[in-house]
Amino acid sequence: NIGVNTGVLPTKGLTLPFLSFGGSSVVVSCIAAA
């Protein structure tokens, strides 16, 4: 995600874990932390 935002990598459509808007991403990231 950082690489996509800075132009180092091509656009992938991946969220930034814990930060980006998106229910599935946030919930799964919280489960991973747990």
PDB file of all heavy atoms in Angstrom:
ATOM      1  N   ASN A   1       0.825  -1.214   0.000  1.00  0.00           N
ATOM      2  CA  ASN A   1       0.000   0.000   0.000  1.00  0.00           C
ATOM      3  C   ASN A   1       0.859   1.265   0.000  1.00  0.00           C
ATOM      4  O   ASN A   1       0.590   2.215  -0.752  1.00  0.00           O
ATOM      5  CB  ASN A   1      -0.940  -0.007   1.201  1.00  0.00           C
ATOM      6  CG  ASN A   1      -1.866   1.203   1.225  1.00  0.00           C
ATOM      7  OD1 ASN A   1      -1.501   2.267   1.724  1.00  0.00           O
ATOM      8  ND2 ASN A   1      -3.050   1.053   0.677  1.00  0.00           N
ATOM      9  N   ILE A   2       1.896   1.267   0.826  1.00  0.00           N
ATOM     10  CA  ILE A   2       2.812   2.415   0.877  1.00  0.00           C
ATOM     11  C   ILE A   2       3.520   2.579  -0.470  1.00  0.00           C
ATOM     12  O   ILE A   2       3.666   3.698  -0.981  1.00  0.00           O
ATOM     13  CB  ILE A   2       3.830   2.250   2.023  1.00  0.00           C
ATOM     14  CG1 ILE A   2       3.114   2.314   3.374  1.00  0.00           C
ATOM     15  CG2 ILE A   2       4.918   3.321   1.960  1.00  0.00           C
ATOM     16  CD1 ILE A   2       3.965   1.880   4.559  1.00  0.00           C
ATOM     17  N   GLY A   3       3.946   1.458  -1.075  1.00  0.00           N
ATOM     18  CA  GLY A   3       4.602   1.504  -2.376  1.00  0.00           C
ATOM     19  C   GLY A   3       3.691   2.034  -3.468  1.00  0.00           C
ATOM     20  O   GLY A   3       4.123   2.814  -4.328  1.00  0.00           O
ATOM     21  N   VAL A   4       2.418   1.638  -3.437  1.00  0.00           N
ATOM     22  CA  VAL A   4       1.441   2.132  -4.415  1.00  0.00           C
ATOM     23  C   VAL A   4       1.243   3.637  -4.260  1.00  0.00           C
ATOM     24  O   VAL A   4       1.211   4.384  -5.242  1.00  0.00           O
ATOM     25  CB  VAL A   4       0.098   1.388  -4.254  1.00  0.00           C
ATOM     26  CG1 VAL A   4      -1.016   2.096  -5.018  1.00  0.00           C
ATOM     27  CG2 VAL A   4       0.228  -0.057  -4.726  1.00  0.00           C
ATOM     28  N   ASN A   5       1.099   4.099  -3.021  1.00  0.00           N
ATOM     29  CA  ASN A   5       0.864   5.516  -2.765  1.00  0.00           C
ATOM     30  C   ASN A   5       2.044   6.387  -3.181  1.00  0.00           C
ATOM     31  O   ASN A   5       1.870   7.534  -3.584  1.00  0.00           O
ATOM     32  CB  ASN A   5       0.558   5.753  -1.289  1.00  0.00           C
ATOM     33  CG  ASN A   5      -0.898   5.542  -0.941  1.00  0.00           C
ATOM     34  OD1 ASN A   5      -1.654   6.483  -0.749  1.00  0.00           O
ATOM     35  ND2 ASN A   5      -1.313   4.285  -0.866  1.00  0.00           N
ATOM     36  N   THR A   6       3.248   5.841  -3.067  1.00  0.00           N
ATOM     37  CA  THR A   6       4.448   6.623  -3.389  1.00  0.00           C
ATOM     38  C   THR A   6       4.932   6.404  -4.820  1.00  0.00           C
ATOM     39  O   THR A   6       5.934   6.983  -5.220  1.00  0.00           O
ATOM     40  CB  THR A   6       5.586   6.271  -2.413  1.00  0.00           C
ATOM     41  OG1 THR A   6       5.812   4.850  -2.439  1.00  0.00           O
ATOM     42  CG2 THR A   6       5.254   6.697  -0.994  1.00  0.00           C
ATOM     43  N   GLY A   7       4.240   5.558  -5.584  1.00  0.00           N
ATOM     44  CA  GLY A   7       4.607   5.336  -6.973  1.00  0.00           C
ATOM     45  C   GLY A   7       5.717   4.337  -7.180  1.00  0.00           C
ATOM     46  O   GLY A   7       6.262   4.231  -8.278  1.00  0.00           O
ATOM     47  N   VAL A   8       6.048   3.568  -6.135  1.00  0.00           N
ATOM     48  CA  VAL A   8       7.100   2.556  -6.254  1.00  0.00           C
ATOM     49  C   VAL A   8       6.546   1.256  -6.831  1.00  0.00           C
ATOM     50  O   VAL A   8       7.265   0.482  -7.462  1.00  0.00           O
ATOM     51  CB  VAL A   8       7.750   2.303  -4.872  1.00  0.00           C
ATOM     52  CG1 VAL A   8       8.801   1.215  -4.939  1.00  0.00           C
ATOM     53  CG2 VAL A   8       8.366   3.588  -4.338  1.00  0.00           C
ATOM     54  N   LEU A   9       5.236   1.005  -6.622  1.00  0.00           N
ATOM     55  CA  LEU A   9       4.589  -0.213  -7.098  1.00  0.00           C
ATOM     56  C   LEU A   9       3.320   0.146  -7.868  1.00  0.00           C
ATOM     57  O   LEU A   9       2.717   1.204  -7.620  1.00  0.00           O
ATOM     58  CB  LEU A   9       4.222  -1.122  -5.905  1.00  0.00           C
ATOM     59  CG  LEU A   9       5.384  -1.703  -5.089  1.00  0.00           C
ATOM     60  CD1 LEU A   9       4.858  -2.385  -3.834  1.00  0.00           C
ATOM     61  CD2 LEU A   9       6.188  -2.684  -5.917  1.00  0.00           C
ATOM     62  N   PRO A  10       2.881  -0.722  -8.789  1.00  0.00           N
ATOM     63  CA  PRO A  10       1.632  -0.447  -9.511  1.00  0.00           C
ATOM     64  C   PRO A  10       0.428  -0.544  -8.600  1.00  0.00           C
ATOM     65  O   PRO A  10       0.464  -1.216  -7.565  1.00  0.00           O
ATOM     66  CB  PRO A  10       1.610  -1.545 -10.590  1.00  0.00           C
ATOM     67  CG  PRO A  10       2.500  -2.622 -10.090  1.00  0.00           C
ATOM     68  CD  PRO A  10       3.554  -1.943  -9.263  1.00  0.00           C
ATOM     69  N   THR A  11      -0.652   0.122  -8.969  1.00  0.00           N
ATOM     70  CA  THR A  11      -1.878   0.139  -8.167  1.00  0.00           C
ATOM     71  C   THR A  11      -2.404  -1.276  -7.988  1.00  0.00           C
ATOM     72  O   THR A  11      -2.578  -2.017  -8.958  1.00  0.00           O
ATOM     73  CB  THR A  11      -2.947   1.006  -8.848  1.00  0.00           C
ATOM     74  OG1 THR A  11      -2.399   2.297  -9.080  1.00  0.00           O
ATOM     75  CG2 THR A  11      -4.177   1.131  -7.987  1.00  0.00           C
ATOM     76  N   LYS A  12      -2.685  -1.636  -6.724  1.00  0.00           N
ATOM     77  CA  LYS A  12      -3.105  -3.005  -6.409  1.00  0.00           C
ATOM     78  C   LYS A  12      -4.497  -3.088  -5.800  1.00  0.00           C
ATOM     79  O   LYS A  12      -5.085  -4.144  -5.719  1.00  0.00           O
ATOM     80  CB  LYS A  12      -2.116  -3.633  -5.406  1.00  0.00           C
ATOM     81  CG  LYS A  12      -0.736  -3.919  -5.975  1.00  0.00           C
ATOM     82  CD  LYS A  12      -0.797  -4.992  -7.011  1.00  0.00           C
ATOM     83  CE  LYS A  12       0.600  -5.341  -7.522  1.00  0.00           C
ATOM     84  NZ  LYS A  12       0.551  -6.254  -8.649  1.00  0.00           N
ATOM     85  N   GLY A  13      -5.044  -1.987  -5.268  1.00  0.00           N
ATOM     86  CA  GLY A  13      -6.355  -2.043  -4.629  1.00  0.00           C
ATOM     87  C   GLY A  13      -6.315  -2.660  -3.254  1.00  0.00           C
ATOM     88  O   GLY A  13      -7.299  -3.239  -2.800  1.00  0.00           O
ATOM     89  N   LEU A  14      -5.173  -2.549  -2.572  1.00  0.00           N
ATOM     90  CA  LEU A  14      -5.040  -3.081  -1.218  1.00  0.00           C
ATOM     91  C   LEU A  14      -5.165  -1.949  -0.199  1.00  0.00           C
ATOM     92  O   LEU A  14      -4.598  -0.873  -0.385  1.00  0.00           O
ATOM     93  CB  LEU A  14      -3.691  -3.769  -1.033  1.00  0.00           C
ATOM     94  CG  LEU A  14      -3.514  -5.145  -1.667  1.00  0.00           C
ATOM     95  CD1 LEU A  14      -2.074  -5.603  -1.507  1.00  0.00           C
ATOM     96  CD2 LEU A  14      -4.458  -6.162  -1.056  1.00  0.00           C
ATOM     97  N   THR A  15      -5.880  -2.219   0.880  1.00  0.00           N
ATOM     98  CA  THR A  15      -6.026  -1.228   1.939  1.00  0.00           C
ATOM     99  C   THR A  15      -4.779  -1.201   2.829  1.00  0.00           C
ATOM    100  O   THR A  15      -3.963  -2.127   2.804  1.00  0.00           O
ATOM    101  CB  THR A  15      -7.243  -1.547   2.823  1.00  0.00           C
ATOM    102  OG1 THR A  15      -7.079  -2.866   3.378  1.00  0.00           O
ATOM    103  CG2 THR A  15      -8.534  -1.487   2.023  1.00  0.00           C
ATOM    104  N   LEU A  16      -4.658  -0.134   3.610  1.00  0.00           N
ATOM    105  CA  LEU A  16      -3.619  -0.040   4.622  1.00  0.00           C
ATOM    106  C   LEU A  16      -4.202  -0.622   5.906  1.00  0.00           C
ATOM    107  O   LEU A  16      -5.152  -0.065   6.457  1.00  0.00           O
ATOM    108  CB  LEU A  16      -3.217   1.419   4.829  1.00  0.00           C
ATOM    109  CG  LEU A  16      -1.946   1.716   5.624  1.00  0.00           C
ATOM    110  CD1 LEU A  16      -0.729   1.034   5.013  1.00  0.00           C
ATOM    111  CD2 LEU A  16      -1.706   3.218   5.715  1.00  0.00           C
ATOM    112  N   PRO A  17      -3.709  -1.776   6.388  1.00  0.00           N
ATOM    113  CA  PRO A  17      -4.316  -2.444   7.542  1.00  0.00           C
ATOM    114  C   PRO A  17      -4.500  -1.515   8.735  1.00  0.00           C
ATOM    115  O   PRO A  17      -3.629  -0.694   9.027  1.00  0.00           O
ATOM    116  CB  PRO A  17      -3.306  -3.564   7.873  1.00  0.00           C
ATOM    117  CG  PRO A  17      -2.606  -3.827   6.579  1.00  0.00           C
ATOM    118  CD  PRO A  17      -2.517  -2.486   5.880  1.00  0.00           C
ATOM    119  N   PHE A  18      -5.656  -1.656   9.406  1.00  0.00           N
ATOM    120  CA  PHE A  18      -6.038  -0.898  10.596  1.00  0.00           C
ATOM    121  C   PHE A  18      -6.432   0.551  10.289  1.00  0.00           C
ATOM    122  O   PHE A  18      -7.171   1.154  11.058  1.00  0.00           O
ATOM    123  CB  PHE A  18      -4.925  -0.874  11.653  1.00  0.00           C
ATOM    124  CG  PHE A  18      -4.551  -2.208  12.198  1.00  0.00           C
ATOM    125  CD1 PHE A  18      -3.403  -2.860  11.770  1.00  0.00           C
ATOM    126  CD2 PHE A  18      -5.345  -2.835  13.144  1.00  0.00           C
ATOM    127  CE1 PHE A  18      -3.055  -4.109  12.276  1.00  0.00           C
ATOM    128  CE2 PHE A  18      -5.011  -4.078  13.657  1.00  0.00           C
ATOM    129  CZ  PHE A  18      -3.864  -4.713  13.217  1.00  0.00           C
ATOM    130  N   LEU A  19      -5.953   1.137   9.192  1.00  0.00           N
ATOM    131  CA  LEU A  19      -6.168   2.558   8.944  1.00  0.00           C
ATOM    132  C   LEU A  19      -7.239   2.839   7.900  1.00  0.00           C
ATOM    133  O   LEU A  19      -8.127   3.662   8.133  1.00  0.00           O
ATOM    134  CB  LEU A  19      -4.852   3.241   8.522  1.00  0.00           C
ATOM    135  CG  LEU A  19      -3.907   3.637   9.655  1.00  0.00           C
ATOM    136  CD1 LEU A  19      -3.045   2.457  10.072  1.00  0.00           C
ATOM    137  CD2 LEU A  19      -3.013   4.784   9.238  1.00  0.00           C
ATOM    138  N   SER A  20      -7.168   2.195   6.743  1.00  0.00           N
ATOM    139  CA  SER A  20      -8.065   2.517   5.637  1.00  0.00           C
ATOM    140  C   SER A  20      -9.516   2.190   5.968  1.00  0.00           C
ATOM    141  O   SER A  20      -9.814   1.269   6.732  1.00  0.00           O
ATOM    142  CB  SER A  20      -7.658   1.744   4.380  1.00  0.00           C
ATOM    143  OG  SER A  20      -6.395   2.146   3.915  1.00  0.00           O
ATOM    144  N   PHE A  21     -10.431   2.947   5.340  1.00  0.00           N
ATOM    145  CA  PHE A  21     -11.861   2.673   5.482  1.00  0.00           C
ATOM    146  C   PHE A  21     -12.193   1.341   4.824  1.00  0.00           C
ATOM    147  O   PHE A  21     -11.744   1.058   3.723  1.00  0.00           O
ATOM    148  CB  PHE A  21     -12.674   3.798   4.830  1.00  0.00           C
ATOM    149  CG  PHE A  21     -14.158   3.571   4.869  1.00  0.00           C
ATOM    150  CD1 PHE A  21     -14.884   3.864   6.005  1.00  0.00           C
ATOM    151  CD2 PHE A  21     -14.822   3.040   3.771  1.00  0.00           C
ATOM    152  CE1 PHE A  21     -16.258   3.653   6.045  1.00  0.00           C
ATOM    153  CE2 PHE A  21     -16.188   2.822   3.793  1.00  0.00           C
ATOM    154  CZ  PHE A  21     -16.907   3.137   4.939  1.00  0.00           C
ATOM    155  N   GLY A  22     -12.994   0.547   5.481  1.00  0.00           N
ATOM    156  CA  GLY A  22     -13.394  -0.759   4.945  1.00  0.00           C
ATOM    157  C   GLY A  22     -13.672  -1.730   6.065  1.00  0.00           C
ATOM    158  O   GLY A  22     -12.777  -2.043   6.858  1.00  0.00           O
ATOM    159  N   GLY A  23     -14.913  -2.188   6.164  1.00  0.00           N
ATOM    160  CA  GLY A  23     -15.307  -3.031   7.287  1.00  0.00           C
ATOM    161  C   GLY A  23     -14.554  -4.339   7.376  1.00  0.00           C
ATOM    162  O   GLY A  23     -14.037  -4.711   8.433  1.00  0.00           O
ATOM    163  N   SER A  24     -14.458  -5.071   6.258  1.00  0.00           N
ATOM    164  CA  SER A  24     -13.805  -6.378   6.273  1.00  0.00           C
ATOM    165  C   SER A  24     -12.341  -6.256   6.671  1.00  0.00           C
ATOM    166  O   SER A  24     -11.832  -7.038   7.482  1.00  0.00           O
ATOM    167  CB  SER A  24     -13.912  -7.038   4.899  1.00  0.00           C
ATOM    168  OG  SER A  24     -15.259  -7.222   4.525  1.00  0.00           O
ATOM    169  N   SER A  25     -11.649  -5.263   6.116  1.00  0.00           N
ATOM    170  CA  SER A  25     -10.225  -5.070   6.406  1.00  0.00           C
ATOM    171  C   SER A  25      -9.996  -4.749   7.871  1.00  0.00           C
ATOM    172  O   SER A  25      -9.111  -5.325   8.514  1.00  0.00           O
ATOM    173  CB  SER A  25      -9.666  -3.949   5.524  1.00  0.00           C
ATOM    174  OG  SER A  25      -8.324  -3.667   5.854  1.00  0.00           O
ATOM    175  N   VAL A  26     -10.793  -3.839   8.419  1.00  0.00           N
ATOM    176  CA  VAL A  26     -10.629  -3.442   9.822  1.00  0.00           C
ATOM    177  C   VAL A  26     -10.916  -4.613  10.754  1.00  0.00           C
ATOM    178  O   VAL A  26     -10.156  -4.881  11.699  1.00  0.00           O
ATOM    179  CB  VAL A  26     -11.549  -2.247  10.158  1.00  0.00           C
ATOM    180  CG1 VAL A  26     -11.571  -1.979  11.661  1.00  0.00           C
ATOM    181  CG2 VAL A  26     -11.079  -0.992   9.428  1.00  0.00           C
ATOM    182  N   VAL A  27     -12.019  -5.325  10.507  1.00  0.00           N
ATOM    183  CA  VAL A  27     -12.407  -6.433  11.391  1.00  0.00           C
ATOM    184  C   VAL A  27     -11.362  -7.547  11.357  1.00  0.00           C
ATOM    185  O   VAL A  27     -10.944  -8.060  12.406  1.00  0.00           O
ATOM    186  CB  VAL A  27     -13.796  -6.977  10.991  1.00  0.00           C
ATOM    187  CG1 VAL A  27     -14.110  -8.261  11.767  1.00  0.00           C
ATOM    188  CG2 VAL A  27     -14.875  -5.932  11.270  1.00  0.00           C
ATOM    189  N   VAL A  28     -10.906  -7.919  10.161  1.00  0.00           N
ATOM    190  CA  VAL A  28      -9.921  -8.993  10.043  1.00  0.00           C
ATOM    191  C   VAL A  28      -8.591  -8.578  10.662  1.00  0.00           C
ATOM    192  O   VAL A  28      -7.914  -9.386  11.320  1.00  0.00           O
ATOM    193  CB  VAL A  28      -9.734  -9.402   8.560  1.00  0.00           C
ATOM    194  CG1 VAL A  28      -8.572 -10.369   8.409  1.00  0.00           C
ATOM    195  CG2 VAL A  28     -11.008 -10.035   8.026  1.00  0.00           C
ATOM    196  N   SER A  29      -8.199  -7.305  10.512  1.00  0.00           N
ATOM    197  CA  SER A  29      -6.964  -6.812  11.138  1.00  0.00           C
ATOM    198  C   SER A  29      -7.050  -6.898  12.656  1.00  0.00           C
ATOM    199  O   SER A  29      -6.076  -7.273  13.327  1.00  0.00           O
ATOM    200  CB  SER A  29      -6.696  -5.366  10.707  1.00  0.00           C
ATOM    201  OG  SER A  29      -6.473  -5.273   9.325  1.00  0.00           O
ATOM    202  N   CYS A  30      -8.219  -6.562  13.212  1.00  0.00           N
ATOM    203  CA  CYS A  30      -8.414  -6.652  14.668  1.00  0.00           C
ATOM    204  C   CYS A  30      -8.339  -8.096  15.156  1.00  0.00           C
ATOM    205  O   CYS A  30      -7.773  -8.373  16.219  1.00  0.00           O
ATOM    206  CB  CYS A  30      -9.759  -6.036  15.065  1.00  0.00           C
ATOM    207  SG  CYS A  30      -9.826  -4.236  14.942  1.00  0.00           S
ATOM    208  N   ILE A  31      -8.905  -9.017  14.376  1.00  0.00           N
ATOM    209  CA  ILE A  31      -8.826 -10.438  14.743  1.00  0.00           C
ATOM    210  C   ILE A  31      -7.371 -10.908  14.707  1.00  0.00           C
ATOM    211  O   ILE A  31      -6.934 -11.666  15.592  1.00  0.00           O
ATOM    212  CB  ILE A  31      -9.707 -11.288  13.803  1.00  0.00           C
ATOM    213  CG1 ILE A  31     -11.186 -10.954  14.009  1.00  0.00           C
ATOM    214  CG2 ILE A  31      -9.471 -12.779  14.044  1.00  0.00           C
ATOM    215  CD1 ILE A  31     -12.112 -11.623  13.002  1.00  0.00           C
ATOM    216  N   ALA A  32      -6.617 -10.456  13.714  1.00  0.00           N
ATOM    217  CA  ALA A  32      -5.199 -10.825  13.620  1.00  0.00           C
ATOM    218  C   ALA A  32      -4.434 -10.328  14.841  1.00  0.00           C
ATOM    219  O   ALA A  32      -3.612 -11.057  15.418  1.00  0.00           O
ATOM    220  CB  ALA A  32      -4.591 -10.245  12.344  1.00  0.00           C
ATOM    221  N   ALA A  33      -4.701  -9.087  15.261  1.00  0.00           N
ATOM    222  CA  ALA A  33      -4.047  -8.539  16.456  1.00  0.00           C
ATOM    223  C   ALA A  33      -4.436  -9.333  17.696  1.00  0.00           C
ATOM    224  O   ALA A  33      -3.600  -9.595  18.576  1.00  0.00           O
ATOM    225  CB  ALA A  33      -4.421  -7.068  16.628  1.00  0.00           C
ATOM    226  N   ALA A  34      -5.709  -9.751  17.769  1.00  0.00           N
ATOM    227  CA  ALA A  34      -6.174 -10.544  18.912  1.00  0.00           C
ATOM    228  C   ALA A  34      -5.478 -11.905  18.964  1.00  0.00           C
ATOM    229  O   ALA A  34      -5.149 -12.409  20.049  1.00  0.00           O
ATOM    230  CB  ALA A  34      -7.690 -10.732  18.829  1.00  0.00           C
TER     231      ALA A  34
END
